[in-house]
Amino acid sequence: MSFNVPICTGRLPRLVSNIIKPSIEEDKHEDIQENNGHVNLTKCTGETNANLAKIITDYVGTLNQNKLRLLGYPTNLDFDYAALKPLLQFHINNAGDPFLGSSYSLNSSAFEVCVLDWFANLWEIEKSEYWGYVTTGGTEGNLHGILLGREQFPDGILYASEDSHYSIFKIARMYRMQCVKVGTLVSGEIDYVELHTSLLAHKDKPAIINLNIGTTMKGAIDDVDLTIQTLEESGFPRNRFYIHCDGALFGMMLPFLKRAPRTTFKKPIGSIAISGHKFFGCPIPCGVVITRLQHINVLSKDVEYIASKDVTITGSRCGHAPMFLWYAIQERGLIGFEKEVEMCIMNARHLLDQLRHAGIGAMLNGFSNTIVFERPLDDEFTSRWSLACKGNIAHVVVMQHVTIEMLDSFVIELVQQRLIWYRDGLRKPPCVANDIGAENCACTLHNSSFS
């Protein structure tokens, strides 16, 4: 079978394959061959701009429809970077150390350093004492932060809660580090008693701690102060531990919330990583990692080819990402970010109230915009609202693009669907007491305590 639109080698993404229709002229594009669901190019001559424009237009329409119901992932879709469109005609590459630049002149290192200075100020570390760079996302920030801990303590053991992002355990495998998975409280926060026990069991080796400034599924915040106290009580002085803070979403939000726990380099932490595409909102995945300058020397190597130092995880780095972050900071400012954080928290509380009023068990941690509730029975419903699920629970992350109207529509549809799923009486809503606490569960066993 041939196609009207030539597509590069590889399996067609679902959204794109829905747009591309089979040609009725079987011999029109003889240079495209289909083989077991793959489209292979042999002598592709290209496609007209009009046809390409139609594909993009149709795809944008699909994205706009999906955007109206994207609730389960911490991605801010409320942004407008049209002013940066002229930059798309350049390949901007920030290879090397952003503070040194490189011999590749089409770089945005000056803008990147402005972004890094802003985050250093946010997390309270002097310009002369920090180092950092704009990453491809939270995972790369975690890769870099934990690598610094490993280089400082080559025989150190990595401790991470079971609610940590999956990248942490992947990183442990990649670096071949011994990793101790620590249990969590019902809230998703690390269990400090179990951490203490684990530290005592491995007292002969330094500790590399990953703390979650907002866990992936429940939005729980690990207590930096209590962790440091636990380390000291377990016999680990400050020269025998390294703390990396995975602040993918909340690392950017907490500084703008009154009475929220502080994540700051005034405490003995080694590094903080955030995702730029989450709270900031960005059309491409990106992030920021900040660490202490003293930790960098062990990684830094001169590279004559780029006239810079190799100290980052990747070599070539997207120079557009710092521009997006710089523009967001300049356009919205501290007051703008504070208002956005307050709105997300307020709307999250609204959703919690609506779910509980409808008799649906739900939990919302303090200083969090992540609402955890019983997993919908129907996968089609879950997919329709782009919900993230794990076991018996699902969650909604209330970001800037999530309106009250969107949340109310979600609750109305969920309530209607539950009447269908459980109408025969043979199936009942799951008990989620073990996941979010008995006081937050609305199953038949626990609903008497549900209010």
Protein backbone atom coordinates (compact mmCIF):
# COMPACT_ATOMS: atom_id res chain seq x y z
CA MET A 1 0.00 0.00 0.00
CA SER A 2 1.26 3.53 -0.76
CA PHE A 3 0.57 6.81 1.02
CA ASN A 4 -0.08 10.34 -0.11
CA VAL A 5 2.44 11.70 2.38
CA PRO A 6 6.00 10.38 2.56
CA ILE A 7 7.02 9.69 6.14
CA CYS A 8 10.54 8.96 7.34
CA THR A 9 11.50 5.43 8.33
CA GLY A 10 9.86 4.24 11.55
CA ARG A 11 6.52 3.25 13.00
CA LEU A 12 3.90 5.95 12.53
CA PRO A 13 2.79 7.68 15.74
CA ARG A 14 -0.89 7.14 16.44
CA LEU A 15 -1.86 10.78 16.06
CA VAL A 16 0.01 11.13 12.77
CA SER A 17 -1.23 7.85 11.34
CA ASN A 18 -4.81 9.01 11.94
CA ILE A 19 -4.12 12.03 9.77
CA ILE A 20 -2.42 10.21 6.90
CA LYS A 21 -4.89 8.46 4.62
CA PRO A 22 -4.13 5.69 2.13
CA SER A 23 -3.83 6.84 -1.47
CA ILE A 24 -6.31 5.61 -4.06
CA GLU A 25 -3.59 5.96 -6.66
CA GLU A 26 -1.46 2.96 -5.84
CA ASP A 27 1.36 4.03 -8.13
CA LYS A 28 1.51 7.73 -7.23
CA HIS A 29 4.44 7.37 -4.79
CA GLU A 30 6.38 4.34 -5.88
CA ASP A 31 9.29 5.46 -3.74
CA ILE A 32 7.45 4.63 -0.48
CA GLN A 33 7.10 1.05 0.67
CA GLU A 34 5.20 -0.32 3.66
CA ASN A 35 6.70 -3.27 5.51
CA ASN A 36 5.07 -4.77 8.62
CA GLY A 37 3.61 -1.47 9.78
CA HIS A 38 6.76 0.49 9.02
CA VAL A 39 7.10 3.03 6.25
CA ASN A 40 10.44 2.89 4.50
CA LEU A 41 11.82 5.48 2.12
CA THR A 42 13.68 4.42 -1.00
CA LYS A 43 13.76 7.35 -3.45
CA CYS A 44 11.57 9.89 -1.65
CA THR A 45 11.29 13.11 -3.69
CA GLY A 46 9.64 15.18 -0.96
CA GLU A 47 6.15 16.55 -0.52
CA THR A 48 4.50 19.82 -1.44
CA ASN A 49 4.36 22.59 1.14
CA ALA A 50 0.57 22.65 0.87
CA ASN A 51 0.24 18.99 1.85
CA LEU A 52 2.76 19.35 4.65
CA ALA A 53 0.89 22.41 5.93
CA LYS A 54 -2.36 20.43 5.97
CA ILE A 55 -0.80 17.65 8.05
CA ILE A 56 0.56 20.15 10.57
CA THR A 57 -2.78 22.00 10.71
CA ASP A 58 -4.67 18.76 11.35
CA TYR A 59 -2.15 17.73 14.00
CA VAL A 60 -2.46 21.11 15.75
CA GLY A 61 -6.22 20.60 15.82
CA THR A 62 -5.73 17.24 17.53
CA LEU A 63 -3.34 18.75 20.06
CA ASN A 64 -5.76 21.56 20.86
CA GLN A 65 -8.53 19.04 21.51
CA ASN A 66 -6.31 16.96 23.81
CA LYS A 67 -5.15 20.09 25.62
CA LEU A 68 -8.73 20.68 26.82
CA ARG A 69 -8.60 17.52 28.95
CA LEU A 70 -4.95 17.14 29.97
CA LEU A 71 -5.17 16.77 33.74
CA GLY A 72 -2.80 14.04 34.87
CA TYR A 73 0.65 15.43 34.12
CA PRO A 74 2.56 18.39 35.59
CA THR A 75 2.96 20.34 32.37
CA ASN A 76 1.90 23.96 32.11
CA LEU A 77 0.27 24.49 28.71
CA ASP A 78 -0.65 28.14 29.30
CA PHE A 79 2.20 29.94 27.53
CA ASP A 80 2.89 32.06 24.47
CA TYR A 81 6.40 32.28 23.06
CA ALA A 82 5.42 33.73 19.70
CA ALA A 83 7.90 36.55 20.30
CA LEU A 84 10.73 34.01 20.09
CA LYS A 85 9.69 32.69 16.67
CA PRO A 86 12.58 34.49 14.88
CA LEU A 87 15.02 32.31 16.85
CA LEU A 88 13.75 29.16 15.10
CA GLN A 89 15.74 30.04 11.99
CA PHE A 90 18.97 29.46 13.93
CA HIS A 91 20.64 26.36 15.30
CA ILE A 92 21.55 27.59 18.78
CA ASN A 93 23.89 25.22 20.60
CA ASN A 94 25.20 25.71 24.15
CA ALA A 95 27.87 23.01 24.17
CA GLY A 96 30.26 23.21 27.08
CA ASP A 97 30.31 25.15 30.33
CA PRO A 98 27.71 27.97 30.15
CA PHE A 99 29.94 30.24 32.24
CA LEU A 100 32.79 29.92 29.73
CA GLY A 101 30.84 29.76 26.47
CA SER A 102 32.39 27.96 23.52
CA SER A 103 33.93 28.54 20.10
CA TYR A 104 30.53 27.86 18.53
CA SER A 105 29.33 31.43 18.18
CA LEU A 106 25.57 30.70 17.77
CA ASN A 107 25.02 30.10 21.47
CA SER A 108 22.73 31.58 24.14
CA SER A 109 25.16 31.14 27.04
CA ALA A 110 24.67 34.72 28.24
CA PHE A 111 20.92 34.14 28.55
CA GLU A 112 21.53 30.76 30.19
CA VAL A 113 23.70 32.35 32.88
CA CYS A 114 20.94 34.93 33.54
CA VAL A 115 18.52 32.05 34.13
CA LEU A 116 20.97 30.26 36.40
CA ASP A 117 21.62 33.41 38.43
CA TRP A 118 17.88 33.77 38.94
CA PHE A 119 17.56 30.22 40.29
CA ALA A 120 20.67 30.61 42.45
CA ASN A 121 19.05 33.64 44.05
CA LEU A 122 15.76 31.75 44.47
CA TRP A 123 17.55 28.93 46.31
CA GLU A 124 19.85 31.25 48.26
CA ILE A 125 23.38 30.57 47.09
CA GLU A 126 25.93 33.25 46.23
CA LYS A 127 26.94 33.73 42.62
CA SER A 128 30.57 32.99 43.48
CA GLU A 129 29.62 29.69 45.15
CA TYR A 130 27.35 27.97 42.66
CA TRP A 131 27.47 26.27 39.28
CA GLY A 132 24.68 24.94 37.08
CA TYR A 133 23.27 24.57 33.60
CA VAL A 134 20.04 24.23 31.64
CA THR A 135 19.31 20.54 31.10
CA THR A 136 17.00 18.51 28.88
CA GLY A 137 14.68 17.93 31.84
CA GLY A 138 14.41 16.73 35.42
CA THR A 139 15.98 13.35 34.69
CA GLU A 140 19.18 14.91 33.39
CA GLY A 141 19.26 17.15 36.45
CA ASN A 142 18.98 14.05 38.62
CA LEU A 143 21.68 12.33 36.57
CA HIS A 144 24.03 15.24 37.18
CA GLY A 145 23.22 15.77 40.85
CA ILE A 146 23.57 12.12 41.81
CA LEU A 147 26.75 11.82 39.72
CA LEU A 148 28.27 14.63 41.78
CA GLY A 149 27.33 12.75 44.93
CA ARG A 150 28.82 9.54 43.56
CA GLU A 151 32.05 11.30 42.54
CA GLN A 152 32.36 12.83 45.99
CA PHE A 153 31.69 9.45 47.63
CA PRO A 154 32.63 6.66 45.16
CA ASP A 155 31.64 3.98 47.68
CA GLY A 156 28.55 5.83 48.86
CA ILE A 157 25.10 4.22 49.01
CA LEU A 158 22.15 5.93 47.35
CA TYR A 159 19.04 6.21 49.52
CA ALA A 160 15.72 7.06 47.86
CA SER A 161 12.12 6.62 48.91
CA GLU A 162 9.92 4.15 47.07
CA ASP A 163 7.83 7.09 45.87
CA SER A 164 10.79 8.68 44.09
CA HIS A 165 10.64 9.32 40.36
CA TYR A 166 11.52 6.25 38.32
CA SER A 167 14.58 8.03 36.94
CA ILE A 168 16.31 7.75 40.33
CA PHE A 169 16.39 3.96 40.23
CA LYS A 170 17.39 3.99 36.57
CA ILE A 171 20.28 6.28 37.49
CA ALA A 172 21.36 3.87 40.22
CA ARG A 173 21.51 1.08 37.62
CA MET A 174 23.36 3.25 35.11
CA TYR A 175 25.97 4.28 37.67
CA ARG A 176 26.02 0.79 39.21
CA MET A 177 25.42 2.26 42.63
CA GLN A 178 24.13 0.32 45.59
CA CYS A 179 20.64 1.69 46.17
CA VAL A 180 18.49 1.34 49.27
CA LYS A 181 14.79 1.90 48.64
CA VAL A 182 13.20 3.44 51.73
CA GLY A 183 9.52 3.07 52.55
CA THR A 184 7.12 5.98 52.71
CA LEU A 185 4.30 7.26 54.87
CA VAL A 186 0.75 7.16 53.51
CA SER A 187 1.24 10.73 52.33
CA GLY A 188 4.13 9.63 50.11
CA GLU A 189 6.76 11.35 52.27
CA ILE A 190 9.87 9.35 53.11
CA ASP A 191 9.67 7.29 56.31
CA TYR A 192 12.38 8.83 58.52
CA VAL A 193 12.30 5.96 61.01
CA GLU A 194 13.00 3.47 58.23
CA LEU A 195 15.66 5.79 56.81
CA HIS A 196 17.33 5.87 60.23
CA THR A 197 17.29 2.05 60.40
CA SER A 198 18.73 1.76 56.88
CA LEU A 199 21.49 4.26 57.62
CA LEU A 200 22.51 2.39 60.76
CA ALA A 201 22.68 -0.86 58.77
CA HIS A 202 25.20 0.72 56.37
CA LYS A 203 27.02 3.04 58.71
CA ASP A 204 30.40 2.11 57.27
CA LYS A 205 29.67 3.79 53.91
CA PRO A 206 28.82 7.42 53.08
CA ALA A 207 25.21 8.30 52.30
CA ILE A 208 23.95 9.87 49.07
CA ILE A 209 20.35 10.92 49.68
CA ASN A 210 17.73 11.72 47.05
CA LEU A 211 14.96 13.85 48.54
CA ASN A 212 11.71 14.57 46.74
CA ILE A 213 10.48 18.13 46.76
CA GLY A 214 7.12 16.83 45.60
CA THR A 215 6.77 13.13 44.82
CA THR A 216 5.65 12.08 41.36
CA MET A 217 2.34 10.47 42.26
CA LYS A 218 1.21 12.07 45.52
CA GLY A 219 2.99 15.42 45.58
CA ALA A 220 4.54 14.71 48.98
CA ILE A 221 7.47 16.82 50.20
CA ASP A 222 10.39 15.17 51.97
CA ASP A 223 11.56 17.21 54.96
CA VAL A 224 15.15 18.37 54.39
CA ASP A 225 15.64 19.42 58.02
CA LEU A 226 14.34 16.15 59.43
CA THR A 227 16.50 14.20 56.98
CA ILE A 228 19.62 16.09 58.09
CA GLN A 229 18.67 15.45 61.72
CA THR A 230 18.19 11.74 60.93
CA LEU A 231 21.61 11.60 59.26
CA GLU A 232 23.31 13.21 62.25
CA GLU A 233 21.50 10.96 64.73
CA SER A 234 22.60 7.95 62.66
CA GLY A 235 26.25 8.96 62.97
CA PHE A 236 26.74 10.72 59.62
CA PRO A 237 28.57 14.05 59.98
CA ARG A 238 28.30 16.58 57.16
CA ASN A 239 31.47 15.33 55.48
CA ARG A 240 29.91 11.87 55.02
CA PHE A 241 26.67 12.64 53.20
CA TYR A 242 25.46 14.32 50.03
CA ILE A 243 21.84 15.40 49.49
CA HIS A 244 20.30 15.84 46.04
CA CYS A 245 16.86 17.44 45.89
CA ASP A 246 14.57 16.40 43.05
CA GLY A 247 12.32 19.44 42.84
CA ALA A 248 10.92 18.75 39.37
CA LEU A 249 7.67 20.71 39.94
CA PHE A 250 7.56 21.93 43.54
CA GLY A 251 11.14 23.17 43.59
CA MET A 252 9.85 26.14 41.63
CA MET A 253 6.54 26.51 43.50
CA LEU A 254 7.42 26.27 47.20
CA PRO A 255 9.47 29.50 47.35
CA PHE A 256 6.26 31.38 46.51
CA LEU A 257 4.09 29.78 49.21
CA LYS A 258 3.89 31.27 52.69
CA ARG A 259 4.94 28.89 55.49
CA ALA A 260 6.07 26.26 52.97
CA PRO A 261 9.22 24.28 53.82
CA ARG A 262 12.31 25.96 52.41
CA THR A 263 14.66 24.27 49.98
CA THR A 264 17.82 26.34 50.22
CA PHE A 265 21.57 26.03 49.93
CA LYS A 266 21.81 27.63 53.35
CA LYS A 267 21.21 24.02 54.44
CA PRO A 268 23.85 21.34 53.74
CA ILE A 269 22.43 20.11 50.43
CA GLY A 270 24.53 19.40 47.37
CA SER A 271 22.23 20.01 44.39
CA ILE A 272 18.71 20.86 43.28
CA ALA A 273 17.09 19.96 39.94
CA ILE A 274 13.82 21.18 38.45
CA SER A 275 11.96 20.68 35.17
CA GLY A 276 11.54 23.85 33.12
CA HIS A 277 8.57 22.60 31.14
CA LYS A 278 6.49 21.90 34.23
CA PHE A 279 5.68 25.03 36.18
CA PHE A 280 7.31 27.47 33.77
CA GLY A 281 5.67 25.95 30.70
CA CYS A 282 7.82 25.39 27.65
CA PRO A 283 7.24 23.88 24.21
CA ILE A 284 10.24 21.56 24.67
CA PRO A 285 11.31 19.51 27.70
CA CYS A 286 14.05 21.27 29.66
CA GLY A 287 15.23 21.84 33.20
CA VAL A 288 17.79 23.43 35.50
CA VAL A 289 20.32 21.92 37.90
CA ILE A 290 22.18 24.02 40.48
CA THR A 291 25.02 22.74 42.64
CA ARG A 292 27.93 24.03 44.68
CA LEU A 293 30.90 25.16 42.63
CA GLN A 294 33.26 23.10 44.80
CA HIS A 295 31.68 19.86 43.55
CA ILE A 296 32.32 20.56 39.86
CA ASN A 297 36.09 20.30 39.58
CA VAL A 298 36.03 16.53 39.69
CA LEU A 299 33.95 16.43 36.47
CA SER A 300 35.45 19.36 34.57
CA LYS A 301 37.68 18.52 31.59
CA ASP A 302 39.13 20.90 29.00
CA VAL A 303 37.93 20.23 25.46
CA GLU A 304 39.97 22.05 22.83
CA TYR A 305 37.47 21.27 20.06
CA ILE A 306 34.83 23.55 21.60
CA ALA A 307 37.22 25.81 23.53
CA SER A 308 35.30 25.11 26.73
CA LYS A 309 35.06 22.61 29.54
CA ASP A 310 33.07 19.40 29.45
CA VAL A 311 31.13 19.32 32.70
CA THR A 312 27.55 18.56 31.61
CA ILE A 313 25.85 15.21 30.98
CA THR A 314 25.19 15.91 27.29
CA GLY A 315 27.61 17.54 24.86
CA SER A 316 25.52 19.60 22.47
CA ARG A 317 22.75 21.33 24.43
CA CYS A 318 19.66 23.07 23.13
CA GLY A 319 20.28 26.80 23.07
CA HIS A 320 16.59 27.58 22.61
CA ALA A 321 15.62 26.19 26.03
CA PRO A 322 17.43 28.92 28.00
CA MET A 323 15.72 31.50 25.80
CA PHE A 324 12.28 30.14 26.72
CA LEU A 325 13.14 30.15 30.43
CA TRP A 326 14.70 33.62 30.27
CA TYR A 327 11.63 34.99 28.47
CA ALA A 328 9.26 33.44 31.03
CA ILE A 329 11.20 34.96 33.93
CA GLN A 330 11.36 38.39 32.31
CA GLU A 331 7.72 38.44 31.21
CA ARG A 332 6.04 37.10 34.37
CA GLY A 333 8.38 38.18 37.15
CA LEU A 334 8.25 37.14 40.80
CA ILE A 335 4.78 38.58 41.34
CA GLY A 336 3.43 36.77 38.28
CA PHE A 337 4.84 33.44 39.44
CA GLU A 338 3.43 33.95 42.94
CA LYS A 339 -0.05 34.57 41.56
CA GLU A 340 0.17 31.45 39.38
CA VAL A 341 1.24 29.29 42.32
CA GLU A 342 -1.62 30.60 44.46
CA MET A 343 -4.11 29.96 41.66
CA CYS A 344 -2.95 26.36 41.19
CA ILE A 345 -3.21 25.65 44.92
CA MET A 346 -6.64 27.28 45.16
CA ASN A 347 -7.98 25.33 42.18
CA ALA A 348 -6.56 22.09 43.57
CA ARG A 349 -8.49 22.63 46.79
CA HIS A 350 -11.61 23.26 44.71
CA LEU A 351 -11.20 19.90 42.99
CA LEU A 352 -10.66 18.15 46.34
CA ASP A 353 -13.89 19.67 47.67
CA GLN A 354 -15.83 18.69 44.55
CA LEU A 355 -14.63 15.08 44.65
CA ARG A 356 -15.36 14.67 48.34
CA HIS A 357 -18.78 16.30 47.94
CA ALA A 358 -19.51 13.70 45.24
CA GLY A 359 -18.54 10.88 47.62
CA ILE A 360 -15.23 10.09 45.94
CA GLY A 361 -12.24 9.46 48.17
CA ALA A 362 -9.41 11.91 47.57
CA MET A 363 -6.26 13.30 49.20
CA LEU A 364 -4.35 16.56 48.84
CA ASN A 365 -1.04 17.02 50.64
CA GLY A 366 -0.10 20.35 52.15
CA PHE A 367 1.48 22.88 49.73
CA SER A 368 0.53 20.60 46.86
CA ASN A 369 -1.47 20.91 43.65
CA THR A 370 -1.67 17.12 43.15
CA ILE A 371 -5.01 15.52 44.02
CA VAL A 372 -4.94 11.74 44.48
CA PHE A 373 -8.16 9.72 44.19
CA GLU A 374 -9.52 6.27 43.34
CA ARG A 375 -8.48 4.98 39.93
CA PRO A 376 -11.29 5.16 37.37
CA LEU A 377 -12.53 1.75 36.31
CA ASP A 378 -12.53 2.52 32.60
CA ASP A 379 -9.19 2.92 30.78
CA GLU A 380 -10.94 4.88 28.04
CA PHE A 381 -12.02 7.49 30.58
CA THR A 382 -8.50 7.59 31.99
CA SER A 383 -7.06 8.12 28.53
CA ARG A 384 -9.65 10.75 27.61
CA TRP A 385 -8.55 12.93 30.55
CA SER A 386 -4.83 12.00 30.31
CA LEU A 387 -4.77 10.75 33.90
CA ALA A 388 -1.67 9.24 35.45
CA CYS A 389 -2.40 6.04 37.40
CA LYS A 390 -0.57 3.68 39.73
CA GLY A 391 -2.24 0.67 41.30
CA ASN A 392 -5.61 1.69 42.77
CA ILE A 393 -5.04 5.43 42.52
CA ALA A 394 -4.94 8.16 39.91
CA HIS A 395 -4.10 11.83 40.18
CA VAL A 396 -4.82 15.24 38.73
CA VAL A 397 -2.08 17.86 38.74
CA VAL A 398 -3.69 21.31 38.65
CA MET A 399 -1.47 23.46 36.44
CA GLN A 400 -1.98 26.97 35.05
CA HIS A 401 -3.99 25.83 32.02
CA VAL A 402 -6.43 23.85 34.19
CA THR A 403 -9.50 25.99 34.80
CA ILE A 404 -12.33 25.63 37.30
CA GLU A 405 -14.64 24.86 34.36
CA MET A 406 -12.36 22.04 33.23
CA LEU A 407 -12.25 20.56 36.72
CA ASP A 408 -16.02 20.77 37.15
CA SER A 409 -16.55 19.05 33.78
CA PHE A 410 -14.16 16.31 34.86
CA VAL A 411 -16.00 15.69 38.14
CA ILE A 412 -19.42 15.69 36.46
CA GLU A 413 -18.25 13.15 33.88
CA LEU A 414 -16.53 11.01 36.52
CA VAL A 415 -19.67 10.91 38.65
CA GLN A 416 -21.79 9.97 35.61
CA GLN A 417 -19.38 7.21 34.63
CA ARG A 418 -19.23 5.80 38.15
CA LEU A 419 -23.02 5.38 38.10
CA ILE A 420 -22.58 3.22 35.00
CA TRP A 421 -19.54 1.28 36.25
CA TYR A 422 -21.11 0.34 39.57
CA ARG A 423 -24.83 0.25 38.75
CA ASP A 424 -25.20 -3.54 38.91
CA GLY A 425 -23.93 -3.64 42.49
CA LEU A 426 -21.52 -6.45 41.66
CA ARG A 427 -18.58 -4.10 41.44
CA LYS A 428 -17.73 -1.51 44.04
CA PRO A 429 -15.31 1.42 44.13
CA PRO A 430 -11.87 0.28 45.28
CA CYS A 431 -10.68 0.72 48.84
CA VAL A 432 -7.79 3.18 48.75
CA ALA A 433 -7.21 3.42 52.49
CA ASN A 434 -3.72 1.94 52.17
CA ASP A 435 -2.90 4.43 49.43
CA ILE A 436 -4.31 7.71 50.78
CA GLY A 437 -5.39 6.89 54.34
CA ALA A 438 -8.64 5.59 55.79
CA GLU A 439 -9.81 9.13 56.54
CA ASN A 440 -9.66 9.92 52.81
CA CYS A 441 -11.23 6.69 51.55
CA ALA A 442 -14.90 6.55 50.54
CA CYS A 443 -15.30 2.79 50.15
CA THR A 444 -18.15 1.01 51.93
CA LEU A 445 -15.83 0.09 54.80
CA HIS A 446 -14.46 3.55 55.45
CA ASN A 447 -17.12 5.99 54.24
CA SER A 448 -18.45 6.47 57.77
CA SER A 449 -15.28 8.43 58.54
CA PHE A 450 -15.36 10.21 55.24
CA SER A 451 -16.42 13.85 55.37
